[in-house]
Protein backbone atom coordinates (compact mmCIF):
# COMPACT_ATOMS: atom_id res chain seq x y z
CA MET A 1 0.00 0.00 0.00
CA LYS A 2 1.05 3.55 -0.69
CA LYS A 3 0.84 6.18 2.02
CA VAL A 4 -1.50 9.12 1.58
CA GLU A 5 0.68 12.09 0.64
CA HIS A 6 -0.49 15.35 2.08
CA ILE A 7 -0.95 18.47 -0.03
CA GLU A 8 1.63 21.20 0.30
CA ILE A 9 0.59 24.73 -0.60
CA LYS A 10 3.49 26.91 -1.67
CA LYS A 11 3.63 30.61 -2.39
CA GLY A 12 3.39 31.38 -6.11
CA MET A 13 2.35 27.88 -7.14
CA LYS A 14 0.40 27.56 -10.40
CA VAL A 15 -2.95 25.87 -10.83
CA ASP A 16 -1.30 22.83 -12.39
CA ASP A 17 1.03 22.61 -9.39
CA LEU A 18 -1.98 22.57 -7.09
CA VAL A 19 -3.77 19.94 -9.18
CA ARG A 20 -0.66 17.72 -9.12
CA GLU A 21 -0.53 18.11 -5.33
CA MET A 22 -4.19 17.06 -5.17
CA LYS A 23 -3.49 14.00 -7.31
CA LYS A 24 -0.57 12.79 -5.20
CA THR A 25 -2.83 12.31 -2.16
CA GLY A 26 -4.21 9.30 -4.02
CA VAL A 27 -7.57 9.47 -2.24
CA MET A 28 -10.97 11.18 -2.21
CA GLN A 29 -12.27 13.44 -4.98
CA GLY A 30 -9.26 15.76 -4.89
CA SER A 31 -6.99 13.09 -6.28
CA LYS A 32 -9.54 12.35 -8.99
CA VAL A 33 -9.35 15.96 -10.18
CA GLY A 34 -5.65 15.43 -10.85
CA LYS A 35 -6.36 12.17 -12.63
CA ALA A 36 -9.05 13.89 -14.73
CA VAL A 37 -6.52 16.42 -16.03
CA ASP A 38 -4.09 13.61 -16.89
CA ILE A 39 -6.71 11.66 -18.85
CA PHE A 40 -8.11 14.75 -20.60
CA GLU A 41 -4.56 15.70 -21.60
CA LYS A 42 -3.94 12.21 -22.97
CA MET A 43 -7.05 12.12 -25.12
CA ILE A 44 -6.33 15.59 -26.53
CA LYS A 45 -2.72 14.71 -27.36
CA ASP A 46 -3.64 11.33 -28.86
CA LYS A 47 -3.83 12.20 -32.57
CA ASP A 48 -5.89 9.09 -33.28
CA CYS A 49 -8.55 10.04 -30.73
CA LYS A 50 -11.82 11.85 -31.41
CA VAL A 51 -12.87 13.76 -28.29
CA PHE A 52 -16.60 13.93 -27.54
CA MET A 53 -17.73 16.45 -24.92
CA GLY A 54 -21.18 16.40 -23.30
CA GLN A 55 -22.48 19.26 -21.18
CA ALA A 56 -25.64 19.55 -19.10
CA GLY A 57 -26.63 21.85 -16.27
CA ALA A 58 -26.69 25.61 -15.78
CA LEU A 59 -23.04 26.25 -16.57
CA VAL A 60 -23.59 29.44 -18.57
CA PRO A 61 -25.64 31.04 -15.75
CA GLY A 62 -22.94 29.62 -13.47
CA GLY A 63 -20.16 31.65 -15.09
CA MET A 64 -18.52 28.88 -17.16
CA ARG A 65 -19.34 30.26 -20.63
CA ASN A 66 -15.90 31.62 -21.50
CA ILE A 67 -14.24 28.34 -20.50
CA LEU A 68 -16.56 26.31 -22.72
CA SER A 69 -16.13 28.64 -25.69
CA ASP A 70 -12.34 28.64 -25.19
CA ILE A 71 -12.29 24.84 -25.38
CA LEU A 72 -14.00 25.15 -28.76
CA ARG A 73 -11.79 28.06 -29.86
CA ASN A 74 -8.68 25.97 -29.20
CA LYS A 75 -10.20 22.95 -30.96
CA LEU A 76 -9.53 20.70 -27.99
CA ILE A 77 -12.63 18.65 -28.75
CA ASP A 78 -14.06 17.22 -31.96
CA VAL A 79 -17.74 16.93 -31.04
CA PHE A 80 -19.86 18.96 -28.59
CA VAL A 81 -23.26 17.83 -27.31
CA CYS A 82 -25.28 20.03 -24.97
CA THR A 83 -28.77 20.90 -23.79
CA GLY A 84 -31.08 23.40 -25.45
CA ALA A 85 -30.96 25.43 -22.25
CA SER A 86 -27.18 25.84 -22.56
CA LEU A 87 -27.59 27.12 -26.13
CA THR A 88 -30.39 29.46 -25.06
CA HIS A 89 -28.36 30.99 -22.23
CA ASP A 90 -25.34 31.32 -24.52
CA LEU A 91 -27.42 33.10 -27.17
CA VAL A 92 -28.92 35.36 -24.52
CA GLU A 93 -25.43 36.63 -23.67
CA ALA A 94 -24.42 36.80 -27.34
CA LEU A 95 -27.34 39.17 -27.96
CA GLY A 96 -26.08 41.54 -25.28
CA TYR A 97 -28.03 40.44 -22.22
CA SER A 98 -26.52 39.22 -18.95
CA HIS A 99 -27.09 36.87 -16.07
CA PHE A 100 -26.99 38.40 -12.60
CA GLN A 101 -25.95 37.40 -9.09
CA GLY A 102 -28.65 36.55 -6.60
CA TYR A 103 -29.01 34.10 -3.73
CA GLU A 104 -30.97 30.91 -3.16
CA ASP A 105 -33.33 32.30 -0.49
CA MET A 106 -34.74 35.11 -2.60
CA ASP A 107 -38.49 35.80 -2.67
CA ASP A 108 -39.49 33.88 -5.81
CA ALA A 109 -42.96 35.41 -5.95
CA GLY A 110 -41.30 38.82 -5.79
CA LEU A 111 -38.86 37.84 -8.54
CA TYR A 112 -41.76 36.76 -10.74
CA LYS A 113 -43.40 40.18 -10.33
CA LYS A 114 -40.10 41.85 -11.26
CA GLY A 115 -39.65 39.65 -14.34
CA LEU A 116 -36.60 37.80 -13.05
CA ASP A 117 -36.03 34.06 -13.54
CA ARG A 118 -33.93 32.25 -10.91
CA MET A 119 -31.54 29.33 -11.39
CA TYR A 120 -30.41 28.61 -7.82
CA ASN A 121 -28.58 31.89 -7.11
CA SER A 122 -28.20 33.14 -10.70
CA LEU A 123 -30.82 35.43 -12.22
CA MET A 124 -31.93 36.22 -15.76
CA PRO A 125 -34.37 38.95 -16.84
CA ASN A 126 -37.43 37.48 -18.51
CA LYS A 127 -37.24 40.25 -21.12
CA VAL A 128 -34.42 38.35 -22.83
CA TYR A 129 -37.08 36.28 -24.57
CA GLU A 130 -38.29 39.39 -26.40
CA GLY A 131 -34.77 39.81 -27.77
CA LEU A 132 -34.59 36.15 -28.72
CA GLU A 133 -37.90 36.39 -30.57
CA ASP A 134 -36.73 39.48 -32.48
CA PHE A 135 -33.49 37.68 -33.41
CA PHE A 136 -35.35 34.67 -34.78
CA ASP A 137 -37.89 36.82 -36.63
CA GLU A 138 -35.07 38.74 -38.32
CA ASN A 139 -33.20 35.59 -39.36
CA PHE A 140 -35.83 32.89 -39.68
CA GLU A 141 -35.70 32.79 -43.47
CA ILE A 142 -32.00 31.89 -43.22
CA PHE A 143 -32.54 29.43 -40.37
CA SER A 144 -35.34 27.70 -42.27
CA GLY A 145 -32.71 26.37 -44.68
CA ALA A 146 -31.26 24.10 -42.00
CA ARG A 147 -31.94 20.40 -42.42
CA THR A 148 -30.36 19.22 -39.17
CA VAL A 149 -30.08 20.66 -35.67
CA LYS A 150 -26.32 20.95 -36.16
CA GLU A 151 -26.83 23.05 -39.30
CA LEU A 152 -29.35 25.23 -37.48
CA ILE A 153 -26.92 25.90 -34.62
CA TRP A 154 -24.13 26.76 -37.07
CA LEU A 155 -26.46 29.14 -38.92
CA ILE A 156 -27.28 30.83 -35.62
CA GLY A 157 -23.54 31.10 -34.99
CA SER A 158 -23.09 32.79 -38.37
CA LYS A 159 -25.50 35.59 -37.36
CA ILE A 160 -23.88 36.55 -34.05
CA SER A 161 -20.55 38.28 -33.48
CA ASP A 162 -19.75 37.59 -29.81
CA GLU A 163 -16.39 35.79 -29.83
CA ASN A 164 -17.08 34.36 -26.37
CA SER A 165 -20.18 32.58 -27.62
CA ILE A 166 -20.18 28.78 -27.53
CA ILE A 167 -22.39 28.74 -30.62
CA ARG A 168 -20.18 31.22 -32.46
CA GLN A 169 -16.98 29.27 -31.76
CA ALA A 170 -18.56 26.00 -32.86
CA TYR A 171 -19.53 27.67 -36.15
CA LEU A 172 -16.15 29.34 -36.70
CA ASN A 173 -14.19 26.16 -36.00
CA LYS A 174 -16.69 23.85 -37.71
CA ILE A 175 -17.02 21.68 -34.63
CA PRO A 176 -20.22 19.63 -34.80
CA ILE A 177 -22.54 20.82 -32.04
CA TYR A 178 -25.48 18.51 -31.43
CA CYS A 179 -28.52 19.20 -29.29
CA PRO A 180 -30.81 16.15 -29.26
CA ALA A 181 -33.44 17.90 -27.10
CA LEU A 182 -33.43 21.39 -28.61
CA GLU A 183 -37.21 21.65 -28.37
CA ASP A 184 -36.84 21.39 -24.57
CA SER A 185 -35.57 24.97 -24.30
CA GLY A 186 -36.30 28.63 -24.87
CA ILE A 187 -34.94 28.36 -28.42
CA GLY A 188 -37.23 25.38 -29.03
CA LEU A 189 -40.27 27.27 -27.78
CA ILE A 190 -39.46 30.28 -29.95
CA ILE A 191 -39.06 28.12 -33.06
CA TRP A 192 -42.36 26.39 -32.24
CA GLY A 193 -43.97 29.83 -31.93
CA ARG A 194 -42.78 30.76 -35.42
CA LEU A 195 -44.18 27.46 -36.78
CA MET A 196 -47.55 28.25 -35.20
CA LYS A 197 -47.53 31.49 -37.18
CA GLY A 198 -47.16 29.58 -40.43
CA LYS A 199 -43.39 29.69 -40.93
CA LYS A 200 -41.66 26.54 -42.12
CA ILE A 201 -38.54 24.66 -41.12
CA GLU A 202 -37.86 21.00 -41.86
CA ILE A 203 -35.40 19.49 -39.41
CA LYS A 204 -34.37 15.86 -39.88
CA LEU A 205 -33.62 14.88 -36.31
CA PHE A 206 -32.16 11.47 -37.09
CA GLU A 207 -29.53 12.91 -39.46
CA ASP A 208 -27.71 14.32 -36.41
CA LEU A 209 -27.77 10.88 -34.84
CA LYS A 210 -26.39 9.37 -38.04
CA GLU A 211 -23.58 11.95 -38.08
CA ILE A 212 -22.41 11.41 -34.51
CA ILE A 213 -22.48 7.63 -34.94
CA ASP A 214 -20.51 7.99 -38.19
CA ILE A 215 -17.84 10.03 -36.38
CA ALA A 216 -17.56 7.43 -33.61
CA TRP A 217 -17.64 4.58 -36.14
CA THR A 218 -14.90 5.92 -38.43
CA SER A 219 -12.49 7.19 -35.76
CA LYS A 220 -9.45 5.18 -34.73
CA LYS A 221 -10.02 5.87 -31.02
CA ASN A 222 -12.62 7.72 -28.95
CA GLY A 223 -12.56 9.73 -25.74
CA VAL A 224 -15.42 11.25 -23.74
CA PHE A 225 -15.56 14.20 -21.34
CA TYR A 226 -18.82 14.80 -19.47
CA LEU A 227 -19.90 17.85 -17.49
CA GLY A 228 -23.09 16.58 -15.91
CA GLY A 229 -25.15 13.83 -17.48
CA GLY A 230 -28.64 13.89 -18.94
CA VAL A 231 -29.40 13.66 -22.63
CA PRO A 232 -25.97 14.93 -23.83
CA LYS A 233 -24.11 12.15 -22.00
CA ASN A 234 -26.47 9.43 -23.15
CA TYR A 235 -26.40 10.71 -26.76
CA ILE A 236 -22.63 10.29 -26.84
CA GLN A 237 -22.69 7.02 -24.92
CA GLN A 238 -25.07 5.41 -27.39
CA ALA A 239 -22.79 6.51 -30.24
CA MET A 240 -19.98 4.67 -28.42
CA GLN A 241 -22.23 1.64 -27.99
CA PHE A 242 -22.89 1.29 -31.72
CA SER A 243 -19.30 1.96 -32.72
CA PRO A 244 -16.83 -0.91 -33.17
CA LYS A 245 -14.45 1.10 -30.97
CA SER A 246 -15.77 1.93 -27.50
CA ALA A 247 -14.21 4.87 -25.64
CA SER A 248 -10.56 4.46 -24.64
CA TYR A 249 -10.57 7.55 -22.41
CA GLY A 250 -13.24 9.02 -20.16
CA VAL A 251 -13.70 11.84 -17.67
CA GLN A 252 -17.02 12.46 -15.93
CA ILE A 253 -17.88 15.32 -13.57
CA THR A 254 -21.21 14.73 -11.86
CA THR A 255 -23.09 15.31 -8.62
CA ASP A 256 -25.60 12.52 -9.32
CA LYS A 257 -25.58 9.13 -7.65
CA ALA A 258 -25.36 5.70 -9.24
CA GLU A 259 -27.83 4.10 -6.83
CA PHE A 260 -30.89 5.44 -8.67
CA GLY A 261 -29.98 3.77 -11.97
CA GLY A 262 -29.97 6.88 -14.16
CA SER A 263 -27.36 7.64 -16.81
CA SER A 264 -26.35 10.90 -15.09
CA GLY A 265 -25.05 9.09 -12.03
CA ALA A 266 -23.77 5.95 -13.73
CA SER A 267 -20.04 5.41 -13.43
CA LEU A 268 -18.05 5.29 -16.65
CA LYS A 269 -17.00 1.78 -15.70
CA GLU A 270 -20.65 0.73 -15.89
CA GLY A 271 -20.50 1.57 -19.59
CA ILE A 272 -18.18 -1.40 -20.15
CA SER A 273 -21.17 -3.71 -19.71
CA TRP A 274 -22.91 -1.91 -22.60
CA GLY A 275 -19.90 -1.88 -24.91
CA LYS A 276 -19.67 1.92 -24.56
CA MET A 277 -16.35 2.01 -22.71
CA ASP A 278 -13.25 -0.08 -23.43
CA GLU A 279 -12.48 -2.45 -20.55
CA LYS A 280 -8.79 -1.53 -20.95
CA GLY A 281 -9.49 2.20 -21.09
CA GLU A 282 -8.57 4.99 -18.68
CA PHE A 283 -11.58 6.50 -16.86
CA VAL A 284 -12.30 8.66 -13.86
CA ASP A 285 -15.53 9.81 -12.22
CA VAL A 286 -15.24 13.01 -10.21
CA ILE A 287 -18.19 13.49 -7.88
CA ALA A 288 -18.23 17.27 -7.70
CA ASP A 289 -19.84 20.48 -8.92
CA SER A 290 -18.66 21.34 -12.45
CA THR A 291 -18.48 25.05 -11.56
CA ILE A 292 -15.74 24.18 -9.05
CA VAL A 293 -13.89 21.45 -10.93
CA LEU A 294 -14.01 22.65 -14.55
CA PRO A 295 -11.95 25.83 -13.89
CA LEU A 296 -9.30 23.77 -12.10
CA ILE A 297 -9.13 21.15 -14.82
CA TYR A 298 -9.02 23.62 -17.69
CA ALA A 299 -6.54 26.00 -16.05
CA ALA A 300 -4.16 23.11 -15.33
CA LEU A 301 -4.63 21.77 -18.84
CA LYS A 302 -3.83 25.12 -20.45
CA GLU A 303 -0.61 25.32 -18.47
CA ARG A 304 0.39 21.92 -19.85
CA ILE A 305 -0.54 22.32 -23.51
């Protein structure tokens, strides 16, 4: 057995130094943060590996937007899958609106009267939807030419200029960005509203599924990086399942528990039984809040590469 090595904090140490100190303890979630950076670094540097990133949860309202867009800007991943809510919040900021600081014990009835929507302790003015509707009305003729959700998201990215936008960076760098539950979001509702007014758009949902499976199928190796679970994680996992090459690398950041049987809390190791993860692969599950762990992982990674 190895002894637990205790973390030493030194003046002037860099984030990567801290993460390496956390890893050397060899125990608890702190050590797993260090291991997560190692595995993420390996999959990025492995030229044969396609990196699939899934993201769920309120990370844009949680202040993580610039990190996510920077990952896309630096082309550290090959495929990005997220929720419709993440795209909506990103577009809200791209159109010049902001999220605001609040606290979890605020008077929600009072917030409703003031037109403020709460996500734990982050707030968003309800008036942003007016701006979203105007944006879609101005550009719907262009957007109606999309035949897949990925094409639609790229077209949206072509009509915004905010360089910190996740959608914009996916468009500029031609990184496939899939959203298998787009209709479950503000953007989805706004598109539905345009359809109810007689406008047309023909989206072939299963073409996106075909694309992501094709990427997983034709790659030499695959790696996955999950921030939260939900539909984005499962969408990528099923692509791994139907590929002849299950994932060789995996990092998962989640606060969910495995005991309830849902995908969001399932360990990456569990995916071996489905053929989604390679039994000889390198995986780590970090049970933690992504708004704490993602900045540490990405800051350490940037210092390395």
